Amino acid sequence: FDGILILAAALLLLTPGILTDVVGFLLLVPF
């Protein structure tokens, strides 16, 4: 499950934008 969310985070972080970056970085937080 962590791996799936980390992959989603990577995709969001590679997508240009502010909102996607914020959500992507949040998904990298284990909590």
Full PDB file with SEQRES, HELIX, SHEET, SSBOND, CRYST1, ORIGX, SCALE, CONECT and MASTER records, all heavy atoms in Angstrom:
SEQRES   1 A   31  PHE ASP GLY ILE LEU ILE LEU ALA ALA ALA LEU LEU LEU          
SEQRES   2 A   31  LEU THR PRO GLY ILE LEU THR ASP VAL VAL GLY PHE LEU          
SEQRES   3 A   31  LEU LEU VAL PRO PHE                                          
HELIX    1 AA1 ASP A    2  LEU A   14  1                                  13    
HELIX    2 AA2 ILE A   18  LEU A   27  1                                  10    
CRYST1    1.000    1.000    1.000  90.00  90.00  90.00 P 1           1          
ORIGX1      1.000000  0.000000  0.000000        0.00000                         
ORIGX2      0.000000  1.000000  0.000000        0.00000                         
ORIGX3      0.000000  0.000000  1.000000        0.00000                         
SCALE1      1.000000  0.000000  0.000000        0.00000                         
SCALE2      0.000000  1.000000  0.000000        0.00000                         
SCALE3      0.000000  0.000000  1.000000        0.00000                         
ATOM      1  N   PHE A   1       0.832  -1.199   0.000  1.00  0.00           N  
ATOM      2  CA  PHE A   1       0.000   0.000   0.000  1.00  0.00           C  
ATOM      3  C   PHE A   1       0.869   1.253   0.000  1.00  0.00           C  
ATOM      4  O   PHE A   1       0.598   2.198  -0.732  1.00  0.00           O  
ATOM      5  CB  PHE A   1      -0.935  -0.020   1.214  1.00  0.00           C  
ATOM      6  CG  PHE A   1      -1.841   1.165   1.279  1.00  0.00           C  
ATOM      7  CD1 PHE A   1      -2.952   1.256   0.454  1.00  0.00           C  
ATOM      8  CD2 PHE A   1      -1.580   2.205   2.149  1.00  0.00           C  
ATOM      9  CE1 PHE A   1      -3.785   2.364   0.499  1.00  0.00           C  
ATOM     10  CE2 PHE A   1      -2.408   3.317   2.200  1.00  0.00           C  
ATOM     11  CZ  PHE A   1      -3.517   3.395   1.374  1.00  0.00           C  
ATOM     12  N   ASP A   2       1.917   1.248   0.834  1.00  0.00           N  
ATOM     13  CA  ASP A   2       2.858   2.371   0.844  1.00  0.00           C  
ATOM     14  C   ASP A   2       3.449   2.583  -0.548  1.00  0.00           C  
ATOM     15  O   ASP A   2       3.554   3.714  -1.027  1.00  0.00           O  
ATOM     16  CB  ASP A   2       4.000   2.130   1.832  1.00  0.00           C  
ATOM     17  CG  ASP A   2       3.654   2.544   3.249  1.00  0.00           C  
ATOM     18  OD1 ASP A   2       2.602   3.186   3.451  1.00  0.00           O  
ATOM     19  OD2 ASP A   2       4.439   2.222   4.151  1.00  0.00           O  
ATOM     20  N   GLY A   3       3.839   1.499  -1.183  1.00  0.00           N  
ATOM     21  CA  GLY A   3       4.425   1.593  -2.516  1.00  0.00           C  
ATOM     22  C   GLY A   3       3.476   2.220  -3.524  1.00  0.00           C  
ATOM     23  O   GLY A   3       3.888   3.035  -4.362  1.00  0.00           O  
ATOM     24  N   ILE A   4       2.200   1.859  -3.436  1.00  0.00           N  
ATOM     25  CA  ILE A   4       1.201   2.429  -4.355  1.00  0.00           C  
ATOM     26  C   ILE A   4       1.071   3.930  -4.122  1.00  0.00           C  
ATOM     27  O   ILE A   4       1.053   4.719  -5.074  1.00  0.00           O  
ATOM     28  CB  ILE A   4      -0.157   1.711  -4.186  1.00  0.00           C  
ATOM     29  CG1 ILE A   4      -0.048   0.275  -4.691  1.00  0.00           C  
ATOM     30  CG2 ILE A   4      -1.271   2.461  -4.907  1.00  0.00           C  
ATOM     31  CD1 ILE A   4      -1.222  -0.607  -4.311  1.00  0.00           C  
ATOM     32  N   LEU A   5       1.000   4.337  -2.851  1.00  0.00           N  
ATOM     33  CA  LEU A   5       0.871   5.767  -2.561  1.00  0.00           C  
ATOM     34  C   LEU A   5       2.154   6.528  -2.895  1.00  0.00           C  
ATOM     35  O   LEU A   5       2.098   7.690  -3.317  1.00  0.00           O  
ATOM     36  CB  LEU A   5       0.475   5.994  -1.105  1.00  0.00           C  
ATOM     37  CG  LEU A   5      -0.967   5.626  -0.757  1.00  0.00           C  
ATOM     38  CD1 LEU A   5      -1.270   5.938   0.692  1.00  0.00           C  
ATOM     39  CD2 LEU A   5      -1.952   6.341  -1.664  1.00  0.00           C  
ATOM     40  N   ILE A   6       3.297   5.900  -2.719  1.00  0.00           N  
ATOM     41  CA  ILE A   6       4.569   6.546  -3.084  1.00  0.00           C  
ATOM     42  C   ILE A   6       4.639   6.729  -4.597  1.00  0.00           C  
ATOM     43  O   ILE A   6       5.094   7.768  -5.089  1.00  0.00           O  
ATOM     44  CB  ILE A   6       5.761   5.748  -2.533  1.00  0.00           C  
ATOM     45  CG1 ILE A   6       5.793   5.847  -1.002  1.00  0.00           C  
ATOM     46  CG2 ILE A   6       7.080   6.233  -3.136  1.00  0.00           C  
ATOM     47  CD1 ILE A   6       6.715   4.849  -0.335  1.00  0.00           C  
ATOM     48  N   LEU A   7       4.172   5.748  -5.347  1.00  0.00           N  
ATOM     49  CA  LEU A   7       4.121   5.884  -6.808  1.00  0.00           C  
ATOM     50  C   LEU A   7       3.188   7.027  -7.201  1.00  0.00           C  
ATOM     51  O   LEU A   7       3.521   7.833  -8.073  1.00  0.00           O  
ATOM     52  CB  LEU A   7       3.669   4.571  -7.452  1.00  0.00           C  
ATOM     53  CG  LEU A   7       3.482   4.601  -8.963  1.00  0.00           C  
ATOM     54  CD1 LEU A   7       4.805   4.906  -9.657  1.00  0.00           C  
ATOM     55  CD2 LEU A   7       2.916   3.279  -9.453  1.00  0.00           C  
ATOM     56  N   ALA A   8       2.036   7.104  -6.544  1.00  0.00           N  
ATOM     57  CA  ALA A   8       1.109   8.209  -6.814  1.00  0.00           C  
ATOM     58  C   ALA A   8       1.773   9.548  -6.490  1.00  0.00           C  
ATOM     59  O   ALA A   8       1.630  10.521  -7.238  1.00  0.00           O  
ATOM     60  CB  ALA A   8      -0.175   8.038  -6.006  1.00  0.00           C  
ATOM     61  N   ALA A   9       2.506   9.589  -5.378  1.00  0.00           N  
ATOM     62  CA  ALA A   9       3.218  10.820  -4.994  1.00  0.00           C  
ATOM     63  C   ALA A   9       4.227  11.209  -6.070  1.00  0.00           C  
ATOM     64  O   ALA A   9       4.324  12.384  -6.446  1.00  0.00           O  
ATOM     65  CB  ALA A   9       3.922  10.631  -3.650  1.00  0.00           C  
ATOM     66  N   ALA A  10       4.975  10.237  -6.565  1.00  0.00           N  
ATOM     67  CA  ALA A  10       5.980  10.521  -7.598  1.00  0.00           C  
ATOM     68  C   ALA A  10       5.316  11.081  -8.858  1.00  0.00           C  
ATOM     69  O   ALA A  10       5.805  12.051  -9.451  1.00  0.00           O  
ATOM     70  CB  ALA A  10       6.771   9.253  -7.925  1.00  0.00           C  
ATOM     71  N   LEU A  11       4.196  10.481  -9.254  1.00  0.00           N  
ATOM     72  CA  LEU A  11       3.488  10.974 -10.440  1.00  0.00           C  
ATOM     73  C   LEU A  11       2.980  12.399 -10.227  1.00  0.00           C  
ATOM     74  O   LEU A  11       3.077  13.234 -11.127  1.00  0.00           O  
ATOM     75  CB  LEU A  11       2.330  10.038 -10.791  1.00  0.00           C  
ATOM     76  CG  LEU A  11       2.730   8.638 -11.260  1.00  0.00           C  
ATOM     77  CD1 LEU A  11       1.497   7.754 -11.429  1.00  0.00           C  
ATOM     78  CD2 LEU A  11       3.515   8.713 -12.555  1.00  0.00           C  
ATOM     79  N   LEU A  12       2.454  12.663  -9.032  1.00  0.00           N  
ATOM     80  CA  LEU A  12       1.975  14.018  -8.742  1.00  0.00           C  
ATOM     81  C   LEU A  12       3.123  15.023  -8.707  1.00  0.00           C  
ATOM     82  O   LEU A  12       2.978  16.159  -9.174  1.00  0.00           O  
ATOM     83  CB  LEU A  12       1.224  14.041  -7.406  1.00  0.00           C  
ATOM     84  CG  LEU A  12      -0.140  13.359  -7.412  1.00  0.00           C  
ATOM     85  CD1 LEU A  12      -0.663  13.207  -5.991  1.00  0.00           C  
ATOM     86  CD2 LEU A  12      -1.128  14.141  -8.276  1.00  0.00           C  
ATOM     87  N   LEU A  13       4.262  14.618  -8.160  1.00  0.00           N  
ATOM     88  CA  LEU A  13       5.413  15.530  -8.070  1.00  0.00           C  
ATOM     89  C   LEU A  13       6.045  15.795  -9.433  1.00  0.00           C  
ATOM     90  O   LEU A  13       6.631  16.855  -9.649  1.00  0.00           O  
ATOM     91  CB  LEU A  13       6.445  14.986  -7.088  1.00  0.00           C  
ATOM     92  CG  LEU A  13       5.995  15.078  -5.628  1.00  0.00           C  
ATOM     93  CD1 LEU A  13       6.839  14.163  -4.759  1.00  0.00           C  
ATOM     94  CD2 LEU A  13       6.066  16.508  -5.141  1.00  0.00           C  
ATOM     95  N   LEU A  14       5.932  14.856 -10.341  1.00  0.00           N  
ATOM     96  CA  LEU A  14       6.474  15.067 -11.688  1.00  0.00           C  
ATOM     97  C   LEU A  14       5.521  15.872 -12.563  1.00  0.00           C  
ATOM     98  O   LEU A  14       5.914  16.367 -13.615  1.00  0.00           O  
ATOM     99  CB  LEU A  14       6.790  13.717 -12.345  1.00  0.00           C  
ATOM    100  CG  LEU A  14       7.960  12.968 -11.715  1.00  0.00           C  
ATOM    101  CD1 LEU A  14       8.095  11.578 -12.327  1.00  0.00           C  
ATOM    102  CD2 LEU A  14       9.258  13.743 -11.879  1.00  0.00           C  
ATOM    103  N   THR A  15       4.265  16.002 -12.121  1.00  0.00           N  
ATOM    104  CA  THR A  15       3.285  16.818 -12.839  1.00  0.00           C  
ATOM    105  C   THR A  15       3.516  18.278 -12.451  1.00  0.00           C  
ATOM    106  O   THR A  15       3.521  18.601 -11.274  1.00  0.00           O  
ATOM    107  CB  THR A  15       1.849  16.395 -12.441  1.00  0.00           C  
ATOM    108  OG1 THR A  15       1.685  15.018 -12.720  1.00  0.00           O  
ATOM    109  CG2 THR A  15       0.811  17.201 -13.185  1.00  0.00           C  
ATOM    110  N   PRO A  16       3.719  19.161 -13.430  1.00  0.00           N  
ATOM    111  CA  PRO A  16       3.965  20.563 -13.083  1.00  0.00           C  
ATOM    112  C   PRO A  16       2.758  21.181 -12.383  1.00  0.00           C  
ATOM    113  O   PRO A  16       1.633  21.050 -12.846  1.00  0.00           O  
ATOM    114  CB  PRO A  16       4.196  21.250 -14.429  1.00  0.00           C  
ATOM    115  CG  PRO A  16       4.447  20.162 -15.401  1.00  0.00           C  
ATOM    116  CD  PRO A  16       3.787  18.939 -14.864  1.00  0.00           C  
ATOM    117  N   GLY A  17       3.006  21.801 -11.253  1.00  0.00           N  
ATOM    118  CA  GLY A  17       1.932  22.480 -10.540  1.00  0.00           C  
ATOM    119  C   GLY A  17       2.212  22.586  -9.057  1.00  0.00           C  
ATOM    120  O   GLY A  17       3.043  21.870  -8.506  1.00  0.00           O  
ATOM    121  N   ILE A  18       1.489  23.471  -8.418  1.00  0.00           N  
ATOM    122  CA  ILE A  18       1.661  23.720  -6.985  1.00  0.00           C  
ATOM    123  C   ILE A  18       0.794  22.750  -6.181  1.00  0.00           C  
ATOM    124  O   ILE A  18       1.272  22.103  -5.251  1.00  0.00           O  
ATOM    125  CB  ILE A  18       1.271  25.182  -6.642  1.00  0.00           C  
ATOM    126  CG1 ILE A  18       1.999  26.184  -7.534  1.00  0.00           C  
ATOM    127  CG2 ILE A  18       1.477  25.456  -5.163  1.00  0.00           C  
ATOM    128  CD1 ILE A  18       3.453  26.370  -7.256  1.00  0.00           C  
ATOM    129  N   LEU A  19      -0.471  22.637  -6.542  1.00  0.00           N  
ATOM    130  CA  LEU A  19      -1.400  21.768  -5.817  1.00  0.00           C  
ATOM    131  C   LEU A  19      -0.947  20.306  -5.875  1.00  0.00           C  
ATOM    132  O   LEU A  19      -0.923  19.619  -4.848  1.00  0.00           O  
ATOM    133  CB  LEU A  19      -2.817  21.905  -6.389  1.00  0.00           C  
ATOM    134  CG  LEU A  19      -3.895  21.024  -5.778  1.00  0.00           C  
ATOM    135  CD1 LEU A  19      -4.101  21.370  -4.314  1.00  0.00           C  
ATOM    136  CD2 LEU A  19      -5.196  21.173  -6.559  1.00  0.00           C  
ATOM    137  N   THR A  20      -0.566  19.844  -7.062  1.00  0.00           N  
ATOM    138  CA  THR A  20      -0.113  18.450  -7.190  1.00  0.00           C  
ATOM    139  C   THR A  20       1.166  18.215  -6.395  1.00  0.00           C  
ATOM    140  O   THR A  20       1.357  17.136  -5.836  1.00  0.00           O  
ATOM    141  CB  THR A  20       0.097  18.058  -8.669  1.00  0.00           C  
ATOM    142  OG1 THR A  20       0.956  19.011  -9.291  1.00  0.00           O  
ATOM    143  CG2 THR A  20      -1.222  17.962  -9.403  1.00  0.00           C  
ATOM    144  N   ASP A  21       2.036  19.233  -6.321  1.00  0.00           N  
ATOM    145  CA  ASP A  21       3.259  19.096  -5.519  1.00  0.00           C  
ATOM    146  C   ASP A  21       2.926  18.970  -4.032  1.00  0.00           C  
ATOM    147  O   ASP A  21       3.499  18.145  -3.323  1.00  0.00           O  
ATOM    148  CB  ASP A  21       4.191  20.288  -5.736  1.00  0.00           C  
ATOM    149  CG  ASP A  21       4.890  20.251  -7.084  1.00  0.00           C  
ATOM    150  OD1 ASP A  21       4.830  19.196  -7.745  1.00  0.00           O  
ATOM    151  OD2 ASP A  21       5.500  21.258  -7.453  1.00  0.00           O  
ATOM    152  N   VAL A  22       1.993  19.787  -3.553  1.00  0.00           N  
ATOM    153  CA  VAL A  22       1.615  19.727  -2.139  1.00  0.00           C  
ATOM    154  C   VAL A  22       1.032  18.351  -1.805  1.00  0.00           C  
ATOM    155  O   VAL A  22       1.431  17.721  -0.821  1.00  0.00           O  
ATOM    156  CB  VAL A  22       0.605  20.856  -1.787  1.00  0.00           C  
ATOM    157  CG1 VAL A  22      -0.003  20.639  -0.410  1.00  0.00           C  
ATOM    158  CG2 VAL A  22       1.281  22.218  -1.870  1.00  0.00           C  
ATOM    159  N   VAL A  23       0.117  17.872  -2.635  1.00  0.00           N  
ATOM    160  CA  VAL A  23      -0.483  16.554  -2.393  1.00  0.00           C  
ATOM    161  C   VAL A  23       0.589  15.469  -2.509  1.00  0.00           C  
ATOM    162  O   VAL A  23       0.638  14.537  -1.703  1.00  0.00           O  
ATOM    163  CB  VAL A  23      -1.659  16.285  -3.362  1.00  0.00           C  
ATOM    164  CG1 VAL A  23      -2.189  14.863  -3.208  1.00  0.00           C  
ATOM    165  CG2 VAL A  23      -2.776  17.293  -3.135  1.00  0.00           C  
ATOM    166  N   GLY A  24       1.465  15.584  -3.495  1.00  0.00           N  
ATOM    167  CA  GLY A  24       2.538  14.608  -3.671  1.00  0.00           C  
ATOM    168  C   GLY A  24       3.457  14.540  -2.462  1.00  0.00           C  
ATOM    169  O   GLY A  24       3.790  13.457  -1.976  1.00  0.00           O  
ATOM    170  N   PHE A  25       3.878  15.699  -1.958  1.00  0.00           N  
ATOM    171  CA  PHE A  25       4.744  15.701  -0.771  1.00  0.00           C  
ATOM    172  C   PHE A  25       4.009  15.162   0.457  1.00  0.00           C  
ATOM    173  O   PHE A  25       4.600  14.474   1.277  1.00  0.00           O  
ATOM    174  CB  PHE A  25       5.311  17.102  -0.499  1.00  0.00           C  
ATOM    175  CG  PHE A  25       6.518  17.431  -1.327  1.00  0.00           C  
ATOM    176  CD1 PHE A  25       6.485  18.470  -2.245  1.00  0.00           C  
ATOM    177  CD2 PHE A  25       7.692  16.699  -1.201  1.00  0.00           C  
ATOM    178  CE1 PHE A  25       7.598  18.774  -3.021  1.00  0.00           C  
ATOM    179  CE2 PHE A  25       8.812  16.995  -1.960  1.00  0.00           C  
ATOM    180  CZ  PHE A  25       8.767  18.036  -2.872  1.00  0.00           C  
ATOM    181  N   LEU A  26       2.720  15.457   0.579  1.00  0.00           N  
ATOM    182  CA  LEU A  26       1.943  14.903   1.701  1.00  0.00           C  
ATOM    183  C   LEU A  26       1.922  13.371   1.652  1.00  0.00           C  
ATOM    184  O   LEU A  26       2.005  12.706   2.685  1.00  0.00           O  
ATOM    185  CB  LEU A  26       0.521  15.455   1.700  1.00  0.00           C  
ATOM    186  CG  LEU A  26       0.348  16.871   2.218  1.00  0.00           C  
ATOM    187  CD1 LEU A  26      -1.086  17.359   2.016  1.00  0.00           C  
ATOM    188  CD2 LEU A  26       0.735  16.968   3.681  1.00  0.00           C  
ATOM    189  N   LEU A  27       1.812  12.808   0.445  1.00  0.00           N  
ATOM    190  CA  LEU A  27       1.786  11.346   0.312  1.00  0.00           C  
ATOM    191  C   LEU A  27       3.137  10.709   0.645  1.00  0.00           C  
ATOM    192  O   LEU A  27       3.208   9.505   0.875  1.00  0.00           O  
ATOM    193  CB  LEU A  27       1.360  10.936  -1.104  1.00  0.00           C  
ATOM    194  CG  LEU A  27      -0.105  11.181  -1.443  1.00  0.00           C  
ATOM    195  CD1 LEU A  27      -0.377  10.816  -2.901  1.00  0.00           C  
ATOM    196  CD2 LEU A  27      -1.029  10.420  -0.512  1.00  0.00           C  
ATOM    197  N   LEU A  28       4.189  11.509   0.695  1.00  0.00           N  
ATOM    198  CA  LEU A  28       5.503  10.978   1.079  1.00  0.00           C  
ATOM    199  C   LEU A  28       5.698  10.970   2.597  1.00  0.00           C  
ATOM    200  O   LEU A  28       6.691  10.436   3.088  1.00  0.00           O  
ATOM    201  CB  LEU A  28       6.624  11.787   0.414  1.00  0.00           C  
ATOM    202  CG  LEU A  28       6.729  11.632  -1.102  1.00  0.00           C  
ATOM    203  CD1 LEU A  28       7.852  12.510  -1.640  1.00  0.00           C  
ATOM    204  CD2 LEU A  28       6.940  10.186  -1.497  1.00  0.00           C  
ATOM    205  N   VAL A  29       4.738  11.524   3.336  1.00  0.00           N  
ATOM    206  CA  VAL A  29       4.812  11.533   4.800  1.00  0.00           C  
ATOM    207  C   VAL A  29       4.179  10.232   5.311  1.00  0.00           C  
ATOM    208  O   VAL A  29       2.993   9.989   5.064  1.00  0.00           O  
ATOM    209  CB  VAL A  29       4.083  12.766   5.386  1.00  0.00           C  
ATOM    210  CG1 VAL A  29       4.098  12.730   6.906  1.00  0.00           C  
ATOM    211  CG2 VAL A  29       4.694  14.046   4.847  1.00  0.00           C  
ATOM    212  N   PRO A  30       4.961   9.372   5.996  1.00  0.00           N  
ATOM    213  CA  PRO A  30       4.423   8.082   6.444  1.00  0.00           C  
ATOM    214  C   PRO A  30       3.143   8.197   7.277  1.00  0.00           C  
ATOM    215  O   PRO A  30       2.219   7.390   7.104  1.00  0.00           O  
ATOM    216  CB  PRO A  30       5.563   7.482   7.273  1.00  0.00           C  
ATOM    217  CG  PRO A  30       6.799   8.089   6.682  1.00  0.00           C  
ATOM    218  CD  PRO A  30       6.394   9.484   6.303  1.00  0.00           C  
ATOM    219  N   PHE A  31       3.047   9.208   8.150  1.00  0.00           N  
ATOM    220  CA  PHE A  31       1.842   9.372   8.957  1.00  0.00           C  
ATOM    221  C   PHE A  31       0.615   9.586   8.075  1.00  0.00           C  
ATOM    222  O   PHE A  31      -0.460   9.028   8.336  1.00  0.00           O  
ATOM    223  CB  PHE A  31       1.999  10.550   9.929  1.00  0.00           C  
ATOM    224  CG  PHE A  31       0.720  10.914  10.627  1.00  0.00           C  
ATOM    225  CD1 PHE A  31       0.258  10.138  11.679  1.00  0.00           C  
ATOM    226  CD2 PHE A  31      -0.026  12.013  10.233  1.00  0.00           C  
ATOM    227  CE1 PHE A  31      -0.937  10.455  12.319  1.00  0.00           C  
ATOM    228  CE2 PHE A  31      -1.208  12.338  10.868  1.00  0.00           C  
ATOM    229  CZ  PHE A  31      -1.670  11.557  11.909  1.00  0.00           C  
TER     230      PHE A  31                                                      
MASTER        0    0    0    2    0    0    0    6  229    1    0    3          
END                                                                             
